[in-house]
Amino acid sequence: MLTKGYAAWFLGAIFGVVGIVYLLLNTGTSGFDPAGATMLIILGIAMTFAFLIILRGSREL
């Protein structure tokens, strides 16, 4: 079982990995568009940061 700190990193890593996979597989008919991958990666970073701040504030980390 993951501790809460590791759960926060795991949550962010999921979005980061999905963003990287999306970036690598992004070969549509309209050309290369990295905006979706960038937003997924930034979302993962933001969720990790927010989750860690909330856990630190509640003294559960």
PDB file of N, CA and C in Angstrom:
ATOM      1  N   MET A   1       0.842  -1.185   0.000  1.00  0.00           N
ATOM      2  CA  MET A   1       0.000   0.000   0.000  1.00  0.00           C
ATOM      3  C   MET A   1       0.880   1.239   0.000  1.00  0.00           C
ATOM      4  N   LEU A   2       0.501   2.211  -0.809  1.00  0.00           N
ATOM      5  CA  LEU A   2       1.278   3.438  -0.915  1.00  0.00           C
ATOM      6  C   LEU A   2       0.959   4.376   0.233  1.00  0.00           C
ATOM      7  N   THR A   3       1.987   5.058   0.730  1.00  0.00           N
ATOM      8  CA  THR A   3       1.722   6.107   1.703  1.00  0.00           C
ATOM      9  C   THR A   3       1.164   7.307   0.959  1.00  0.00           C
ATOM     10  N   LYS A   4       0.660   8.276   1.686  1.00  0.00           N
ATOM     11  CA  LYS A   4       0.001   9.407   1.040  1.00  0.00           C
ATOM     12  C   LYS A   4       0.964  10.238   0.214  1.00  0.00           C
ATOM     13  N   GLY A   5       2.211  10.358   0.653  1.00  0.00           N
ATOM     14  CA  GLY A   5       3.185  11.110  -0.123  1.00  0.00           C
ATOM     15  C   GLY A   5       3.486  10.448  -1.454  1.00  0.00           C
ATOM     16  N   TYR A   6       3.634   9.139  -1.427  1.00  0.00           N
ATOM     17  CA  TYR A   6       3.876   8.413  -2.671  1.00  0.00           C
ATOM     18  C   TYR A   6       2.652   8.407  -3.569  1.00  0.00           C
ATOM     19  N   ALA A   7       1.465   8.429  -2.975  1.00  0.00           N
ATOM     20  CA  ALA A   7       0.240   8.492  -3.770  1.00  0.00           C
ATOM     21  C   ALA A   7       0.172   9.795  -4.546  1.00  0.00           C
ATOM     22  N   ALA A   8       0.640  10.883  -3.952  1.00  0.00           N
ATOM     23  CA  ALA A   8       0.650  12.171  -4.650  1.00  0.00           C
ATOM     24  C   ALA A   8       1.591  12.119  -5.845  1.00  0.00           C
ATOM     25  N   TRP A   9       2.773  11.554  -5.666  1.00  0.00           N
ATOM     26  CA  TRP A   9       3.725  11.443  -6.780  1.00  0.00           C
ATOM     27  C   TRP A   9       3.205  10.500  -7.853  1.00  0.00           C
ATOM     28  N   PHE A  10       2.546   9.429  -7.436  1.00  0.00           N
ATOM     29  CA  PHE A  10       1.997   8.470  -8.388  1.00  0.00           C
ATOM     30  C   PHE A  10       0.883   9.104  -9.216  1.00  0.00           C
ATOM     31  N   LEU A  11       0.041   9.913  -8.566  1.00  0.00           N
ATOM     32  CA  LEU A  11      -1.036  10.600  -9.270  1.00  0.00           C
ATOM     33  C   LEU A  11      -0.476  11.528 -10.350  1.00  0.00           C
ATOM     34  N   GLY A  12       0.559  12.273 -10.005  1.00  0.00           N
ATOM     35  CA  GLY A  12       1.178  13.158 -10.986  1.00  0.00           C
ATOM     36  C   GLY A  12       1.888  12.394 -12.087  1.00  0.00           C
ATOM     37  N   ALA A  13       2.490  11.269 -11.739  1.00  0.00           N
ATOM     38  CA  ALA A  13       3.217  10.473 -12.731  1.00  0.00           C
ATOM     39  C   ALA A  13       2.270   9.872 -13.766  1.00  0.00           C
ATOM     40  N   ILE A  14       1.066   9.539 -13.354  1.00  0.00           N
ATOM     41  CA  ILE A  14       0.089   8.991 -14.305  1.00  0.00           C
ATOM     42  C   ILE A  14      -0.170   9.999 -15.424  1.00  0.00           C
ATOM     43  N   PHE A  15      -0.456  11.247 -15.043  1.00  0.00           N
ATOM     44  CA  PHE A  15      -0.731  12.267 -16.052  1.00  0.00           C
ATOM     45  C   PHE A  15       0.515  12.591 -16.861  1.00  0.00           C
ATOM     46  N   GLY A  16       1.682  12.565 -16.222  1.00  0.00           N
ATOM     47  CA  GLY A  16       2.922  12.811 -16.955  1.00  0.00           C
ATOM     48  C   GLY A  16       3.192  11.738 -17.996  1.00  0.00           C
ATOM     49  N   VAL A  17       2.994  10.482 -17.641  1.00  0.00           N
ATOM     50  CA  VAL A  17       3.224   9.380 -18.578  1.00  0.00           C
ATOM     51  C   VAL A  17       2.207   9.421 -19.716  1.00  0.00           C
ATOM     52  N   VAL A  18       0.940   9.690 -19.384  1.00  0.00           N
ATOM     53  CA  VAL A  18      -0.074   9.799 -20.430  1.00  0.00           C
ATOM     54  C   VAL A  18       0.267  10.951 -21.371  1.00  0.00           C
ATOM     55  N   GLY A  19       0.737  12.063 -20.844  1.00  0.00           N
ATOM     56  CA  GLY A  19       1.131  13.190 -21.677  1.00  0.00           C
ATOM     57  C   GLY A  19       2.293  12.867 -22.588  1.00  0.00           C
ATOM     58  N   ILE A  20       3.289  12.147 -22.079  1.00  0.00           N
ATOM     59  CA  ILE A  20       4.442  11.766 -22.898  1.00  0.00           C
ATOM     60  C   ILE A  20       4.033  10.777 -23.981  1.00  0.00           C
ATOM     61  N   VAL A  21       3.196   9.806 -23.629  1.00  0.00           N
ATOM     62  CA  VAL A  21       2.711   8.840 -24.633  1.00  0.00           C
ATOM     63  C   VAL A  21       1.890   9.562 -25.700  1.00  0.00           C
ATOM     64  N   TYR A  22       1.044  10.485 -25.271  1.00  0.00           N
ATOM     65  CA  TYR A  22       0.247  11.255 -26.232  1.00  0.00           C
ATOM     66  C   TYR A  22       1.151  12.071 -27.157  1.00  0.00           C
ATOM     67  N   LEU A  23       2.212  12.641 -26.600  1.00  0.00           N
ATOM     68  CA  LEU A  23       3.155  13.411 -27.406  1.00  0.00           C
ATOM     69  C   LEU A  23       3.846  12.529 -28.436  1.00  0.00           C
ATOM     70  N   LEU A  24       4.222  11.319 -28.037  1.00  0.00           N
ATOM     71  CA  LEU A  24       4.912  10.416 -28.956  1.00  0.00           C
ATOM     72  C   LEU A  24       3.983   9.847 -30.023  1.00  0.00           C
ATOM     73  N   LEU A  25       2.712   9.679 -29.701  1.00  0.00           N
ATOM     74  CA  LEU A  25       1.764   9.097 -30.647  1.00  0.00           C
ATOM     75  C   LEU A  25       0.972  10.146 -31.418  1.00  0.00           C
ATOM     76  N   ASN A  26       1.298  11.399 -31.242  1.00  0.00           N
ATOM     77  CA  ASN A  26       0.545  12.491 -31.849  1.00  0.00           C
ATOM     78  C   ASN A  26       0.974  12.692 -33.298  1.00  0.00           C
ATOM     79  N   THR A  27       0.429  11.896 -34.167  1.00  0.00           N
ATOM     80  CA  THR A  27       0.709  12.033 -35.595  1.00  0.00           C
ATOM     81  C   THR A  27      -0.615  12.069 -36.335  1.00  0.00           C
ATOM     82  N   GLY A  28      -1.334  13.169 -36.176  1.00  0.00           N
ATOM     83  CA  GLY A  28      -2.630  13.306 -36.828  1.00  0.00           C
ATOM     84  C   GLY A  28      -2.490  13.801 -38.251  1.00  0.00           C
ATOM     85  N   THR A  29      -3.613  13.938 -38.912  1.00  0.00           N
ATOM     86  CA  THR A  29      -3.603  14.395 -40.297  1.00  0.00           C
ATOM     87  C   THR A  29      -3.328  15.890 -40.400  1.00  0.00           C
ATOM     88  N   SER A  30      -3.531  16.623 -39.310  1.00  0.00           N
ATOM     89  CA  SER A  30      -3.326  18.068 -39.350  1.00  0.00           C
ATOM     90  C   SER A  30      -1.909  18.467 -38.950  1.00  0.00           C
ATOM     91  N   GLY A  31      -1.039  17.534 -38.733  1.00  0.00           N
ATOM     92  CA  GLY A  31       0.340  17.834 -38.353  1.00  0.00           C
ATOM     93  C   GLY A  31       0.591  17.620 -36.878  1.00  0.00           C
ATOM     94  N   PHE A  32       1.746  18.051 -36.443  1.00  0.00           N
ATOM     95  CA  PHE A  32       2.186  17.841 -35.070  1.00  0.00           C
ATOM     96  C   PHE A  32       1.659  18.958 -34.180  1.00  0.00           C
ATOM     97  N   ASP A  33       0.933  18.596 -33.108  1.00  0.00           N
ATOM     98  CA  ASP A  33       0.353  19.570 -32.194  1.00  0.00           C
ATOM     99  C   ASP A  33       0.655  19.147 -30.757  1.00  0.00           C
ATOM    100  N   PRO A  34       1.676  19.723 -30.129  1.00  0.00           N
ATOM    101  CA  PRO A  34       2.071  19.299 -28.788  1.00  0.00           C
ATOM    102  C   PRO A  34       1.269  19.957 -27.657  1.00  0.00           C
ATOM    103  N   ALA A  35       0.234  20.730 -27.958  1.00  0.00           N
ATOM    104  CA  ALA A  35      -0.495  21.455 -26.918  1.00  0.00           C
ATOM    105  C   ALA A  35      -1.194  20.509 -25.933  1.00  0.00           C
ATOM    106  N   GLY A  36      -1.816  19.462 -26.434  1.00  0.00           N
ATOM    107  CA  GLY A  36      -2.509  18.526 -25.546  1.00  0.00           C
ATOM    108  C   GLY A  36      -1.553  17.808 -24.608  1.00  0.00           C
ATOM    109  N   ALA A  37      -0.419  17.395 -25.139  1.00  0.00           N
ATOM    110  CA  ALA A  37       0.572  16.721 -24.303  1.00  0.00           C
ATOM    111  C   ALA A  37       1.135  17.666 -23.257  1.00  0.00           C
ATOM    112  N   THR A  38       1.385  18.903 -23.646  1.00  0.00           N
ATOM    113  CA  THR A  38       1.900  19.890 -22.698  1.00  0.00           C
ATOM    114  C   THR A  38       0.908  20.128 -21.571  1.00  0.00           C
ATOM    115  N   MET A  39      -0.375  20.230 -21.919  1.00  0.00           N
ATOM    116  CA  MET A  39      -1.393  20.445 -20.883  1.00  0.00           C
ATOM    117  C   MET A  39      -1.504  19.247 -19.945  1.00  0.00           C
ATOM    118  N   LEU A  40      -1.396  18.030 -20.460  1.00  0.00           N
ATOM    119  CA  LEU A  40      -1.454  16.847 -19.592  1.00  0.00           C
ATOM    120  C   LEU A  40      -0.258  16.797 -18.644  1.00  0.00           C
ATOM    121  N   ILE A  41       0.914  17.113 -19.141  1.00  0.00           N
ATOM    122  CA  ILE A  41       2.113  17.090 -18.294  1.00  0.00           C
ATOM    123  C   ILE A  41       2.030  18.173 -17.220  1.00  0.00           C
ATOM    124  N   ILE A  42       1.601  19.375 -17.595  1.00  0.00           N
ATOM    125  CA  ILE A  42       1.442  20.454 -16.617  1.00  0.00           C
ATOM    126  C   ILE A  42       0.356  20.113 -15.604  1.00  0.00           C
ATOM    127  N   LEU A  43      -0.711  19.460 -16.043  1.00  0.00           N
ATOM    128  CA  LEU A  43      -1.765  19.022 -15.127  1.00  0.00           C
ATOM    129  C   LEU A  43      -1.208  18.057 -14.085  1.00  0.00           C
ATOM    130  N   GLY A  44      -0.363  17.119 -14.514  1.00  0.00           N
ATOM    131  CA  GLY A  44       0.248  16.191 -13.570  1.00  0.00           C
ATOM    132  C   GLY A  44       1.118  16.890 -12.548  1.00  0.00           C
ATOM    133  N   ILE A  45       1.897  17.865 -12.999  1.00  0.00           N
ATOM    134  CA  ILE A  45       2.753  18.623 -12.081  1.00  0.00           C
ATOM    135  C   ILE A  45       1.900  19.411 -11.093  1.00  0.00           C
ATOM    136  N   ALA A  46       0.849  20.063 -11.591  1.00  0.00           N
ATOM    137  CA  ALA A  46      -0.014  20.870 -10.728  1.00  0.00           C
ATOM    138  C   ALA A  46      -0.762  20.015  -9.706  1.00  0.00           C
ATOM    139  N   MET A  47      -1.257  18.862 -10.132  1.00  0.00           N
ATOM    140  CA  MET A  47      -1.978  17.992  -9.201  1.00  0.00           C
ATOM    141  C   MET A  47      -1.053  17.445  -8.126  1.00  0.00           C
ATOM    142  N   THR A  48       0.157  17.086  -8.509  1.00  0.00           N
ATOM    143  CA  THR A  48       1.121  16.602  -7.525  1.00  0.00           C
ATOM    144  C   THR A  48       1.435  17.681  -6.507  1.00  0.00           C
ATOM    145  N   PHE A  49       1.717  18.889  -6.996  1.00  0.00           N
ATOM    146  CA  PHE A  49       2.038  20.004  -6.108  1.00  0.00           C
ATOM    147  C   PHE A  49       0.879  20.310  -5.170  1.00  0.00           C
ATOM    148  N   ALA A  50      -0.347  20.381  -5.700  1.00  0.00           N
ATOM    149  CA  ALA A  50      -1.509  20.691  -4.874  1.00  0.00           C
ATOM    150  C   ALA A  50      -1.771  19.603  -3.836  1.00  0.00           C
ATOM    151  N   PHE A  51      -1.657  18.347  -4.232  1.00  0.00           N
ATOM    152  CA  PHE A  51      -1.899  17.242  -3.308  1.00  0.00           C
ATOM    153  C   PHE A  51      -0.868  17.239  -2.181  1.00  0.00           C
ATOM    154  N   LEU A  52       0.389  17.503  -2.513  1.00  0.00           N
ATOM    155  CA  LEU A  52       1.425  17.556  -1.483  1.00  0.00           C
ATOM    156  C   LEU A  52       1.208  18.725  -0.531  1.00  0.00           C
ATOM    157  N   ILE A  53       0.780  19.879  -1.046  1.00  0.00           N
ATOM    158  CA  ILE A  53       0.516  21.038  -0.189  1.00  0.00           C
ATOM    159  C   ILE A  53      -0.656  20.760   0.740  1.00  0.00           C
ATOM    160  N   ILE A  54      -1.711  20.135   0.228  1.00  0.00           N
ATOM    161  CA  ILE A  54      -2.871  19.810   1.069  1.00  0.00           C
ATOM    162  C   ILE A  54      -2.480  18.813   2.146  1.00  0.00           C
ATOM    163  N   LEU A  55      -1.709  17.795   1.792  1.00  0.00           N
ATOM    164  CA  LEU A  55      -1.290  16.818   2.802  1.00  0.00           C
ATOM    165  C   LEU A  55      -0.354  17.439   3.835  1.00  0.00           C
ATOM    166  N   ARG A  56       0.532  18.325   3.397  1.00  0.00           N
ATOM    167  CA  ARG A  56       1.441  18.971   4.333  1.00  0.00           C
ATOM    168  C   ARG A  56       0.662  19.869   5.298  1.00  0.00           C
ATOM    169  N   GLY A  57      -0.365  20.567   4.795  1.00  0.00           N
ATOM    170  CA  GLY A  57      -1.174  21.443   5.638  1.00  0.00           C
ATOM    171  C   GLY A  57      -2.026  20.672   6.645  1.00  0.00           C
ATOM    172  N   SER A  58      -2.425  19.467   6.294  1.00  0.00           N
ATOM    173  CA  SER A  58      -3.236  18.666   7.209  1.00  0.00           C
ATOM    174  C   SER A  58      -2.383  17.821   8.153  1.00  0.00           C
ATOM    175  N   ARG A  59      -1.071  17.961   8.042  1.00  0.00           N
ATOM    176  CA  ARG A  59      -0.101  17.253   8.887  1.00  0.00           C
ATOM    177  C   ARG A  59      -0.173  15.738   8.739  1.00  0.00           C
ATOM    178  N   GLU A  60      -0.629  15.252   7.586  1.00  0.00           N
ATOM    179  CA  GLU A  60      -0.696  13.821   7.341  1.00  0.00           C
ATOM    180  C   GLU A  60       0.471  13.322   6.514  1.00  0.00           C
ATOM    181  N   LEU A  61       1.375  14.214   6.155  1.00  0.00           N
ATOM    182  CA  LEU A  61       2.520  13.816   5.340  1.00  0.00           C
ATOM    183  C   LEU A  61       3.761  13.751   6.192  1.00  0.00           C
TER     184      LEU A  61
END
